[in-house]
Amino acid sequence: MHWSRDSVDTACYDDPECCDFVTNRAYAISSSIISFYIPLLVMIFVYARVYREAKKQLRKIDKCEGRFHNTLTGLTSKCRKRPSKILALREHKALKTLGIIMGTFTLCWLPFFIVNVVRVFCAEVVDKDLFVFLNWLGYVNSCV
């Protein structure tokens, strides 16, 4: 449909050797917001909720781990099933892994999407080679 095409810089569209990512202002801004900024905000919100819940679980595990009380039958745990430190370590490792994944995604793609929006307002500020590098940095995220 070509609705992303720029009406001023059209040379690349006709050249089969050209692989530049040339778009118009509206497309660059809307696609950046829809494909990156909104999903990033959702991912941060969800990760923060997961992190908070996991921290609550870890606190519950810690409280339950060392509490014993006397009953008529002897020492019994307040918890039905005594959780192990291994479970806590696994949850901590999962949180750390999720943070690394989120951080890597953000570090790889954020520079490109910032430059993608800046470029439509001030094309001369962003060097073409830098733009291509940042685009490939985003692709490297998939490899990482």
C-alpha atoms as a PDB file:
ATOM      1  CA  MET A   1       0.000   0.000   0.000  1.00  0.00           C
ATOM      2  CA  HIS A   2       3.077   2.231   0.328  1.00  0.00           C
ATOM      3  CA  TRP A   3       1.491   4.420   3.027  1.00  0.00           C
ATOM      4  CA  SER A   4       4.838   4.487   4.827  1.00  0.00           C
ATOM      5  CA  ARG A   5       6.663   6.032   1.876  1.00  0.00           C
ATOM      6  CA  ASP A   6       8.161   9.481   2.103  1.00  0.00           C
ATOM      7  CA  SER A   7       7.047  11.842  -0.649  1.00  0.00           C
ATOM      8  CA  VAL A   8      10.309  13.838  -0.592  1.00  0.00           C
ATOM      9  CA  ASP A   9      13.089  11.221  -0.434  1.00  0.00           C
ATOM     10  CA  THR A  10      11.978   8.707  -3.085  1.00  0.00           C
ATOM     11  CA  ALA A  11      15.301   7.726  -4.704  1.00  0.00           C
ATOM     12  CA  CYS A  12      15.735   4.613  -2.572  1.00  0.00           C
ATOM     13  CA  TYR A  13      12.316   3.206  -3.476  1.00  0.00           C
ATOM     14  CA  ASP A  14      13.213   2.908  -7.150  1.00  0.00           C
ATOM     15  CA  ASP A  15      16.721   1.532  -6.590  1.00  0.00           C
ATOM     16  CA  PRO A  16      16.732  -2.277  -6.142  1.00  0.00           C
ATOM     17  CA  GLU A  17      20.203  -2.042  -4.543  1.00  0.00           C
ATOM     18  CA  CYS A  18      19.012   0.340  -1.816  1.00  0.00           C
ATOM     19  CA  CYS A  19      18.064  -1.194   1.537  1.00  0.00           C
ATOM     20  CA  ASP A  20      17.620   2.024   3.524  1.00  0.00           C
ATOM     21  CA  PHE A  21      14.665   2.350   5.838  1.00  0.00           C
ATOM     22  CA  VAL A  22      13.051   5.535   4.501  1.00  0.00           C
ATOM     23  CA  THR A  23       9.630   6.431   5.872  1.00  0.00           C
ATOM     24  CA  ASN A  24       7.446   9.463   6.228  1.00  0.00           C
ATOM     25  CA  ARG A  25       7.056  11.333   9.516  1.00  0.00           C
ATOM     26  CA  ALA A  26       3.614   9.969  10.470  1.00  0.00           C
ATOM     27  CA  TYR A  27       4.653   6.375   9.827  1.00  0.00           C
ATOM     28  CA  ALA A  28       7.941   6.653  11.755  1.00  0.00           C
ATOM     29  CA  ILE A  29       6.224   8.103  14.809  1.00  0.00           C
ATOM     30  CA  SER A  30       3.143   5.869  14.802  1.00  0.00           C
ATOM     31  CA  SER A  31       5.053   2.674  14.095  1.00  0.00           C
ATOM     32  CA  SER A  32       7.581   3.496  16.829  1.00  0.00           C
ATOM     33  CA  ILE A  33       4.816   4.104  19.348  1.00  0.00           C
ATOM     34  CA  ILE A  34       2.767   1.048  18.374  1.00  0.00           C
ATOM     35  CA  SER A  35       5.599  -1.421  17.847  1.00  0.00           C
ATOM     36  CA  PHE A  36       7.975  -0.355  20.634  1.00  0.00           C
ATOM     37  CA  TYR A  37       6.967   2.288  23.163  1.00  0.00           C
ATOM     38  CA  ILE A  38       3.544   0.881  24.104  1.00  0.00           C
ATOM     39  CA  PRO A  39       4.802  -2.744  24.307  1.00  0.00           C
ATOM     40  CA  LEU A  40       7.799  -1.560  26.354  1.00  0.00           C
ATOM     41  CA  LEU A  41       5.524   0.189  28.855  1.00  0.00           C
ATOM     42  CA  VAL A  42       3.316  -2.918  29.087  1.00  0.00           C
ATOM     43  CA  MET A  43       6.367  -5.156  29.599  1.00  0.00           C
ATOM     44  CA  ILE A  44       7.745  -2.872  32.315  1.00  0.00           C
ATOM     45  CA  PHE A  45       4.372  -2.795  34.078  1.00  0.00           C
ATOM     46  CA  VAL A  46       3.976  -6.596  33.900  1.00  0.00           C
ATOM     47  CA  TYR A  47       7.578  -7.226  34.958  1.00  0.00           C
ATOM     48  CA  ALA A  48       7.163  -4.902  37.927  1.00  0.00           C
ATOM     49  CA  ARG A  49       4.035  -6.812  39.004  1.00  0.00           C
ATOM     50  CA  VAL A  50       5.764 -10.179  38.583  1.00  0.00           C
ATOM     51  CA  TYR A  51       8.772  -8.919  40.508  1.00  0.00           C
ATOM     52  CA  ARG A  52       6.597  -7.622  43.352  1.00  0.00           C
ATOM     53  CA  GLU A  53       4.673 -10.903  43.613  1.00  0.00           C
ATOM     54  CA  ALA A  54       7.846 -12.966  43.516  1.00  0.00           C
ATOM     55  CA  LYS A  55       9.343 -10.839  46.293  1.00  0.00           C
ATOM     56  CA  LYS A  56       6.209 -11.476  48.379  1.00  0.00           C
ATOM     57  CA  GLN A  57       6.570 -15.211  47.778  1.00  0.00           C
ATOM     58  CA  LEU A  58      10.232 -15.123  48.761  1.00  0.00           C
ATOM     59  CA  ARG A  59       9.339 -13.318  51.994  1.00  0.00           C
ATOM     60  CA  LYS A  60       6.677 -15.928  52.748  1.00  0.00           C
ATOM     61  CA  ILE A  61       9.182 -18.700  52.104  1.00  0.00           C
ATOM     62  CA  ASP A  62      11.716 -17.055  54.398  1.00  0.00           C
ATOM     63  CA  LYS A  63       9.151 -16.605  57.183  1.00  0.00           C
ATOM     64  CA  CYS A  64       7.941 -20.166  56.870  1.00  0.00           C
ATOM     65  CA  GLU A  65      11.398 -21.702  56.618  1.00  0.00           C
ATOM     66  CA  GLY A  66      12.601 -21.117  60.168  1.00  0.00           C
ATOM     67  CA  ARG A  67       9.440 -21.021  62.282  1.00  0.00           C
ATOM     68  CA  PHE A  68       8.696 -23.960  64.515  1.00  0.00           C
ATOM     69  CA  HIS A  69       6.450 -24.175  67.519  1.00  0.00           C
ATOM     70  CA  ASN A  70       5.728 -26.717  70.211  1.00  0.00           C
ATOM     71  CA  THR A  71       2.553 -28.768  70.235  1.00  0.00           C
ATOM     72  CA  LEU A  72       1.513 -31.769  72.226  1.00  0.00           C
ATOM     73  CA  THR A  73       2.971 -34.037  69.564  1.00  0.00           C
ATOM     74  CA  GLY A  74       6.341 -32.316  69.497  1.00  0.00           C
ATOM     75  CA  LEU A  75       8.001 -29.921  67.100  1.00  0.00           C
ATOM     76  CA  THR A  76       6.000 -29.292  63.971  1.00  0.00           C
ATOM     77  CA  SER A  77       6.271 -26.703  61.269  1.00  0.00           C
ATOM     78  CA  LYS A  78       3.692 -23.936  60.968  1.00  0.00           C
ATOM     79  CA  CYS A  79       3.805 -24.519  57.239  1.00  0.00           C
ATOM     80  CA  ARG A  80       2.077 -27.509  55.733  1.00  0.00           C
ATOM     81  CA  LYS A  81       5.008 -28.219  53.516  1.00  0.00           C
ATOM     82  CA  ARG A  82       8.434 -26.933  54.447  1.00  0.00           C
ATOM     83  CA  PRO A  83       9.787 -25.027  51.445  1.00  0.00           C
ATOM     84  CA  SER A  84      13.409 -25.380  50.625  1.00  0.00           C
ATOM     85  CA  LYS A  85      16.028 -22.749  49.987  1.00  0.00           C
ATOM     86  CA  ILE A  86      16.343 -24.230  46.494  1.00  0.00           C
ATOM     87  CA  LEU A  87      12.857 -22.976  45.643  1.00  0.00           C
ATOM     88  CA  ALA A  88      13.792 -19.486  46.794  1.00  0.00           C
ATOM     89  CA  LEU A  89      16.992 -19.601  44.751  1.00  0.00           C
ATOM     90  CA  ARG A  90      15.072 -20.736  41.668  1.00  0.00           C
ATOM     91  CA  GLU A  91      12.601 -17.875  42.021  1.00  0.00           C
ATOM     92  CA  HIS A  92      15.457 -15.412  42.497  1.00  0.00           C
ATOM     93  CA  LYS A  93      17.221 -16.816  39.431  1.00  0.00           C
ATOM     94  CA  ALA A  94      14.009 -16.578  37.374  1.00  0.00           C
ATOM     95  CA  LEU A  95      13.580 -12.936  38.386  1.00  0.00           C
ATOM     96  CA  LYS A  96      17.180 -12.193  37.502  1.00  0.00           C
ATOM     97  CA  THR A  97      16.818 -13.918  34.126  1.00  0.00           C
ATOM     98  CA  LEU A  98      13.642 -11.993  33.348  1.00  0.00           C
ATOM     99  CA  GLY A  99      15.398  -8.750  34.258  1.00  0.00           C
ATOM    100  CA  ILE A 100      18.330  -9.581  31.998  1.00  0.00           C
ATOM    101  CA  ILE A 101      15.987 -10.366  29.104  1.00  0.00           C
ATOM    102  CA  MET A 102      14.054  -7.118  29.611  1.00  0.00           C
ATOM    103  CA  GLY A 103      17.242  -5.101  29.995  1.00  0.00           C
ATOM    104  CA  THR A 104      18.822  -6.580  26.881  1.00  0.00           C
ATOM    105  CA  PHE A 105      15.692  -5.952  24.830  1.00  0.00           C
ATOM    106  CA  THR A 106      15.532  -2.344  26.001  1.00  0.00           C
ATOM    107  CA  LEU A 107      19.245  -1.660  25.501  1.00  0.00           C
ATOM    108  CA  CYS A 108      19.203  -3.133  21.997  1.00  0.00           C
ATOM    109  CA  TRP A 109      16.039  -1.478  20.674  1.00  0.00           C
ATOM    110  CA  LEU A 110      15.658   1.802  22.590  1.00  0.00           C
ATOM    111  CA  PRO A 111      18.506   3.641  20.788  1.00  0.00           C
ATOM    112  CA  PHE A 112      17.045   2.770  17.383  1.00  0.00           C
ATOM    113  CA  PHE A 113      13.533   3.894  18.255  1.00  0.00           C
ATOM    114  CA  ILE A 114      14.758   7.146  19.796  1.00  0.00           C
ATOM    115  CA  VAL A 115      16.820   7.900  16.690  1.00  0.00           C
ATOM    116  CA  ASN A 116      13.952   6.777  14.431  1.00  0.00           C
ATOM    117  CA  VAL A 117      11.712   9.488  15.876  1.00  0.00           C
ATOM    118  CA  VAL A 118      14.464  12.142  16.119  1.00  0.00           C
ATOM    119  CA  ARG A 119      15.392  11.494  12.498  1.00  0.00           C
ATOM    120  CA  VAL A 120      11.984  12.521  11.138  1.00  0.00           C
ATOM    121  CA  PHE A 121      12.286  15.940  12.800  1.00  0.00           C
ATOM    122  CA  CYS A 122      16.011  16.583  12.256  1.00  0.00           C
ATOM    123  CA  ALA A 123      17.414  14.184   9.660  1.00  0.00           C
ATOM    124  CA  GLU A 124      20.762  15.984   9.571  1.00  0.00           C
ATOM    125  CA  VAL A 125      21.363  15.288  13.283  1.00  0.00           C
ATOM    126  CA  VAL A 126      21.459  11.520  12.786  1.00  0.00           C
ATOM    127  CA  ASP A 127      24.237  10.067  10.658  1.00  0.00           C
ATOM    128  CA  LYS A 128      23.043   7.455   8.169  1.00  0.00           C
ATOM    129  CA  ASP A 129      25.688   4.928   9.294  1.00  0.00           C
ATOM    130  CA  LEU A 130      24.691   5.407  12.935  1.00  0.00           C
ATOM    131  CA  PHE A 131      21.053   4.781  12.025  1.00  0.00           C
ATOM    132  CA  VAL A 132      21.964   1.563  10.200  1.00  0.00           C
ATOM    133  CA  PHE A 133      24.167   0.466  13.124  1.00  0.00           C
ATOM    134  CA  LEU A 134      21.372   1.068  15.635  1.00  0.00           C
ATOM    135  CA  ASN A 135      18.949  -0.806  13.408  1.00  0.00           C
ATOM    136  CA  TRP A 136      21.309  -3.795  13.374  1.00  0.00           C
ATOM    137  CA  LEU A 137      21.817  -3.478  17.130  1.00  0.00           C
ATOM    138  CA  GLY A 138      18.074  -4.054  17.439  1.00  0.00           C
ATOM    139  CA  TYR A 139      18.349  -7.134  15.242  1.00  0.00           C
ATOM    140  CA  VAL A 140      21.204  -8.400  17.435  1.00  0.00           C
ATOM    141  CA  ASN A 141      18.669  -8.574  20.283  1.00  0.00           C
ATOM    142  CA  SER A 142      17.173 -11.630  18.604  1.00  0.00           C
ATOM    143  CA  CYS A 143      20.590 -13.256  18.488  1.00  0.00           C
ATOM    144  CA  VAL A 144      21.293 -12.487  22.159  1.00  0.00           C
END
